[in-house]
Amino acid sequence: MSAAEKQELIEKVDKALDDIRPHLAVDGGNIEIVDITDELILQINWLGNCSSCSMSAMTMRAGVEQTLQGKVPEIKGVQAMNGVGV
């Protein structure tokens, strides 16, 4: 994947994550993109209360991965780089 393709994919993912950010913000949290690997795994950091929330793993599966499957099917998975259980 070229640098331009990767940047385009990151922008697409970031826009998709905007759909779930308001739900995270209600609990004082957020999510940021760290990178997308060559294997198309999205690496994220939990921010605010999400970084210490015991529900962040469930949020990642039920919220983040599900949202991305529908909007950015190129992404094969999501990996938290910080947070509970990492």
N, C-alpha and C. Protein backbone atom coordinates (compact mmCIF):
# COMPACT_ATOMS: atom_id res chain seq x y z
N MET A 1 0.85 -1.16 0.00
CA MET A 1 0.00 0.00 0.00
C MET A 1 0.91 1.24 0.00
N SER A 2 0.62 2.14 -0.88
CA SER A 2 1.41 3.37 -0.97
C SER A 2 1.06 4.31 0.19
N ALA A 3 1.91 5.29 0.41
CA ALA A 3 1.66 6.28 1.46
C ALA A 3 0.36 7.03 1.20
N ALA A 4 0.09 7.35 -0.07
CA ALA A 4 -1.13 8.07 -0.42
C ALA A 4 -2.37 7.20 -0.18
N GLU A 5 -2.28 5.91 -0.52
CA GLU A 5 -3.40 4.99 -0.28
C GLU A 5 -3.66 4.84 1.21
N LYS A 6 -2.57 4.75 1.98
CA LYS A 6 -2.71 4.61 3.43
C LYS A 6 -3.36 5.86 4.02
N GLN A 7 -2.93 7.02 3.59
CA GLN A 7 -3.50 8.27 4.10
C GLN A 7 -4.99 8.36 3.75
N GLU A 8 -5.35 7.94 2.55
CA GLU A 8 -6.75 7.96 2.13
C GLU A 8 -7.58 7.02 2.99
N LEU A 9 -7.02 5.86 3.30
CA LEU A 9 -7.72 4.88 4.14
C LEU A 9 -7.87 5.41 5.57
N ILE A 10 -6.82 6.04 6.09
CA ILE A 10 -6.89 6.62 7.44
C ILE A 10 -7.99 7.68 7.50
N GLU A 11 -8.08 8.51 6.47
CA GLU A 11 -9.12 9.55 6.44
C GLU A 11 -10.52 8.92 6.40
N LYS A 12 -10.65 7.85 5.63
CA LYS A 12 -11.93 7.14 5.54
C LYS A 12 -12.32 6.53 6.90
N VAL A 13 -11.35 5.94 7.58
CA VAL A 13 -11.58 5.34 8.89
C VAL A 13 -11.93 6.43 9.90
N ASP A 14 -11.19 7.54 9.87
CA ASP A 14 -11.43 8.63 10.81
C ASP A 14 -12.85 9.17 10.66
N LYS A 15 -13.30 9.29 9.43
CA LYS A 15 -14.67 9.76 9.18
C LYS A 15 -15.68 8.75 9.72
N ALA A 16 -15.43 7.46 9.54
CA ALA A 16 -16.33 6.42 10.06
C ALA A 16 -16.36 6.45 11.59
N LEU A 17 -15.21 6.70 12.22
CA LEU A 17 -15.15 6.75 13.68
C LEU A 17 -15.93 7.94 14.24
N ASP A 18 -16.13 8.97 13.42
CA ASP A 18 -16.93 10.11 13.86
C ASP A 18 -18.35 9.70 14.25
N ASP A 19 -18.83 8.57 13.71
CA ASP A 19 -20.16 8.07 14.05
C ASP A 19 -20.24 7.57 15.49
N ILE A 20 -19.12 7.06 16.02
CA ILE A 20 -19.17 6.53 17.38
C ILE A 20 -18.56 7.47 18.42
N ARG A 21 -17.83 8.46 17.97
CA ARG A 21 -17.20 9.39 18.93
C ARG A 21 -18.20 10.07 19.87
N PRO A 22 -19.38 10.50 19.40
CA PRO A 22 -20.34 11.12 20.34
C PRO A 22 -20.74 10.17 21.46
N HIS A 23 -20.84 8.88 21.17
CA HIS A 23 -21.21 7.90 22.20
C HIS A 23 -20.09 7.75 23.23
N LEU A 24 -18.85 7.81 22.77
CA LEU A 24 -17.72 7.73 23.68
C LEU A 24 -17.62 9.00 24.53
N ALA A 25 -17.89 10.14 23.90
CA ALA A 25 -17.77 11.43 24.59
C ALA A 25 -18.75 11.55 25.75
N VAL A 26 -19.90 10.89 25.65
CA VAL A 26 -20.89 10.92 26.73
C VAL A 26 -20.27 10.42 28.03
N ASP A 27 -19.37 9.45 27.91
CA ASP A 27 -18.70 8.88 29.08
C ASP A 27 -17.31 9.48 29.30
N GLY A 28 -17.00 10.57 28.61
CA GLY A 28 -15.72 11.24 28.80
C GLY A 28 -14.56 10.58 28.07
N GLY A 29 -14.85 9.88 26.97
CA GLY A 29 -13.80 9.19 26.24
C GLY A 29 -13.73 9.59 24.80
N ASN A 30 -12.76 9.00 24.11
CA ASN A 30 -12.58 9.23 22.68
C ASN A 30 -11.68 8.14 22.16
N ILE A 31 -11.42 8.20 20.87
CA ILE A 31 -10.59 7.20 20.21
C ILE A 31 -9.72 7.92 19.18
N GLU A 32 -8.47 7.48 19.06
CA GLU A 32 -7.60 8.07 18.04
C GLU A 32 -6.93 6.96 17.24
N ILE A 33 -6.67 7.25 15.99
CA ILE A 33 -5.99 6.30 15.11
C ILE A 33 -4.49 6.42 15.36
N VAL A 34 -3.84 5.28 15.58
CA VAL A 34 -2.38 5.23 15.71
C VAL A 34 -1.78 4.93 14.34
N ASP A 35 -2.30 3.86 13.69
CA ASP A 35 -1.74 3.43 12.41
C ASP A 35 -2.68 2.39 11.80
N ILE A 36 -2.42 2.08 10.54
CA ILE A 36 -3.03 0.94 9.87
C ILE A 36 -1.87 0.10 9.36
N THR A 37 -1.82 -1.15 9.77
CA THR A 37 -0.71 -2.03 9.41
C THR A 37 -0.84 -2.48 7.95
N ASP A 38 0.22 -3.09 7.45
CA ASP A 38 0.20 -3.64 6.09
C ASP A 38 -0.85 -4.74 5.95
N GLU A 39 -1.22 -5.36 7.09
CA GLU A 39 -2.24 -6.42 7.10
C GLU A 39 -3.64 -5.83 7.24
N LEU A 40 -3.74 -4.49 7.18
CA LEU A 40 -5.00 -3.76 7.27
C LEU A 40 -5.68 -3.90 8.63
N ILE A 41 -4.85 -3.92 9.68
CA ILE A 41 -5.34 -3.89 11.05
C ILE A 41 -5.25 -2.44 11.54
N LEU A 42 -6.36 -1.92 12.00
CA LEU A 42 -6.40 -0.57 12.54
C LEU A 42 -5.89 -0.59 13.96
N GLN A 43 -4.88 0.20 14.26
CA GLN A 43 -4.36 0.33 15.61
C GLN A 43 -4.88 1.64 16.18
N ILE A 44 -5.47 1.54 17.37
CA ILE A 44 -6.09 2.72 18.00
C ILE A 44 -5.57 2.92 19.41
N ASN A 45 -5.73 4.12 19.91
CA ASN A 45 -5.55 4.43 21.33
C ASN A 45 -6.89 4.89 21.87
N TRP A 46 -7.24 4.38 23.03
CA TRP A 46 -8.39 4.89 23.76
C TRP A 46 -7.95 6.14 24.48
N LEU A 47 -8.80 7.15 24.51
CA LEU A 47 -8.49 8.41 25.17
C LEU A 47 -9.49 8.67 26.29
N GLY A 48 -9.09 9.49 27.26
CA GLY A 48 -9.98 9.86 28.35
C GLY A 48 -10.40 8.65 29.16
N ASN A 49 -11.65 8.63 29.56
CA ASN A 49 -12.16 7.53 30.39
C ASN A 49 -12.12 6.18 29.70
N CYS A 50 -12.09 6.18 28.37
CA CYS A 50 -12.06 4.90 27.64
C CYS A 50 -10.76 4.14 27.90
N SER A 51 -9.69 4.86 28.21
CA SER A 51 -8.40 4.19 28.40
C SER A 51 -8.37 3.34 29.67
N SER A 52 -9.27 3.60 30.61
CA SER A 52 -9.29 2.82 31.84
C SER A 52 -10.61 2.08 32.05
N CYS A 53 -11.46 2.09 31.05
CA CYS A 53 -12.78 1.48 31.18
C CYS A 53 -12.72 -0.03 30.91
N SER A 54 -13.32 -0.79 31.81
CA SER A 54 -13.32 -2.24 31.64
C SER A 54 -14.20 -2.68 30.47
N MET A 55 -15.02 -1.78 29.95
CA MET A 55 -15.90 -2.12 28.83
C MET A 55 -15.28 -1.78 27.47
N SER A 56 -14.06 -1.25 27.45
CA SER A 56 -13.46 -0.82 26.19
C SER A 56 -13.29 -1.97 25.20
N ALA A 57 -13.00 -3.17 25.67
CA ALA A 57 -12.86 -4.32 24.75
C ALA A 57 -14.20 -4.62 24.08
N MET A 58 -15.29 -4.55 24.85
CA MET A 58 -16.60 -4.79 24.27
C MET A 58 -16.97 -3.66 23.32
N THR A 59 -16.64 -2.43 23.69
CA THR A 59 -16.92 -1.28 22.82
C THR A 59 -16.16 -1.44 21.51
N MET A 60 -14.94 -1.95 21.58
CA MET A 60 -14.15 -2.12 20.37
C MET A 60 -14.82 -3.12 19.44
N ARG A 61 -15.27 -4.23 19.99
CA ARG A 61 -15.90 -5.25 19.15
C ARG A 61 -17.28 -4.82 18.67
N ALA A 62 -18.11 -4.36 19.59
CA ALA A 62 -19.50 -4.05 19.24
C ALA A 62 -19.67 -2.70 18.56
N GLY A 63 -18.80 -1.77 18.85
CA GLY A 63 -18.94 -0.44 18.28
C GLY A 63 -17.98 -0.17 17.14
N VAL A 64 -16.70 -0.22 17.44
CA VAL A 64 -15.68 0.16 16.47
C VAL A 64 -15.62 -0.83 15.31
N GLU A 65 -15.45 -2.11 15.61
CA GLU A 65 -15.32 -3.09 14.53
C GLU A 65 -16.58 -3.18 13.69
N GLN A 66 -17.74 -3.14 14.32
CA GLN A 66 -19.00 -3.22 13.58
C GLN A 66 -19.18 -2.00 12.67
N THR A 67 -18.87 -0.83 13.19
CA THR A 67 -18.97 0.39 12.39
C THR A 67 -18.05 0.31 11.18
N LEU A 68 -16.82 -0.13 11.41
CA LEU A 68 -15.85 -0.19 10.31
C LEU A 68 -16.21 -1.26 9.28
N GLN A 69 -16.77 -2.38 9.73
CA GLN A 69 -17.16 -3.42 8.78
C GLN A 69 -18.15 -2.88 7.76
N GLY A 70 -19.05 -2.03 8.21
CA GLY A 70 -20.05 -1.48 7.32
C GLY A 70 -19.55 -0.34 6.46
N LYS A 71 -18.63 0.46 6.98
CA LYS A 71 -18.21 1.68 6.28
C LYS A 71 -16.83 1.58 5.63
N VAL A 72 -15.95 0.75 6.19
CA VAL A 72 -14.59 0.60 5.65
C VAL A 72 -14.24 -0.90 5.66
N PRO A 73 -14.84 -1.66 4.75
CA PRO A 73 -14.65 -3.12 4.78
C PRO A 73 -13.22 -3.56 4.51
N GLU A 74 -12.37 -2.66 4.04
CA GLU A 74 -10.97 -3.01 3.81
C GLU A 74 -10.25 -3.35 5.12
N ILE A 75 -10.69 -2.74 6.23
CA ILE A 75 -10.07 -2.98 7.53
C ILE A 75 -10.45 -4.38 8.01
N LYS A 76 -9.42 -5.17 8.34
CA LYS A 76 -9.63 -6.57 8.72
C LYS A 76 -9.82 -6.77 10.22
N GLY A 77 -9.40 -5.79 11.01
CA GLY A 77 -9.53 -5.91 12.45
C GLY A 77 -9.09 -4.64 13.14
N VAL A 78 -9.28 -4.59 14.45
CA VAL A 78 -8.91 -3.43 15.26
C VAL A 78 -8.10 -3.91 16.45
N GLN A 79 -7.04 -3.17 16.75
CA GLN A 79 -6.17 -3.52 17.86
C GLN A 79 -5.95 -2.28 18.72
N ALA A 80 -6.29 -2.39 20.01
CA ALA A 80 -6.04 -1.29 20.95
C ALA A 80 -4.59 -1.35 21.38
N MET A 81 -3.93 -0.22 21.35
CA MET A 81 -2.53 -0.13 21.75
C MET A 81 -2.39 0.26 23.22
N ASN A 82 -3.50 0.67 23.83
CA ASN A 82 -3.50 1.03 25.26
C ASN A 82 -4.84 0.64 25.84
N GLY A 83 -5.00 0.86 27.12
CA GLY A 83 -6.28 0.59 27.76
C GLY A 83 -6.26 -0.66 28.61
N VAL A 84 -7.40 -0.96 29.18
CA VAL A 84 -7.56 -2.10 30.07
C VAL A 84 -7.38 -3.39 29.27
N GLY A 85 -6.60 -4.31 29.81
CA GLY A 85 -6.43 -5.62 29.18
C GLY A 85 -5.47 -5.63 28.01
N VAL A 86 -4.75 -4.54 27.81
CA VAL A 86 -3.79 -4.51 26.69
C VAL A 86 -2.43 -4.91 27.19
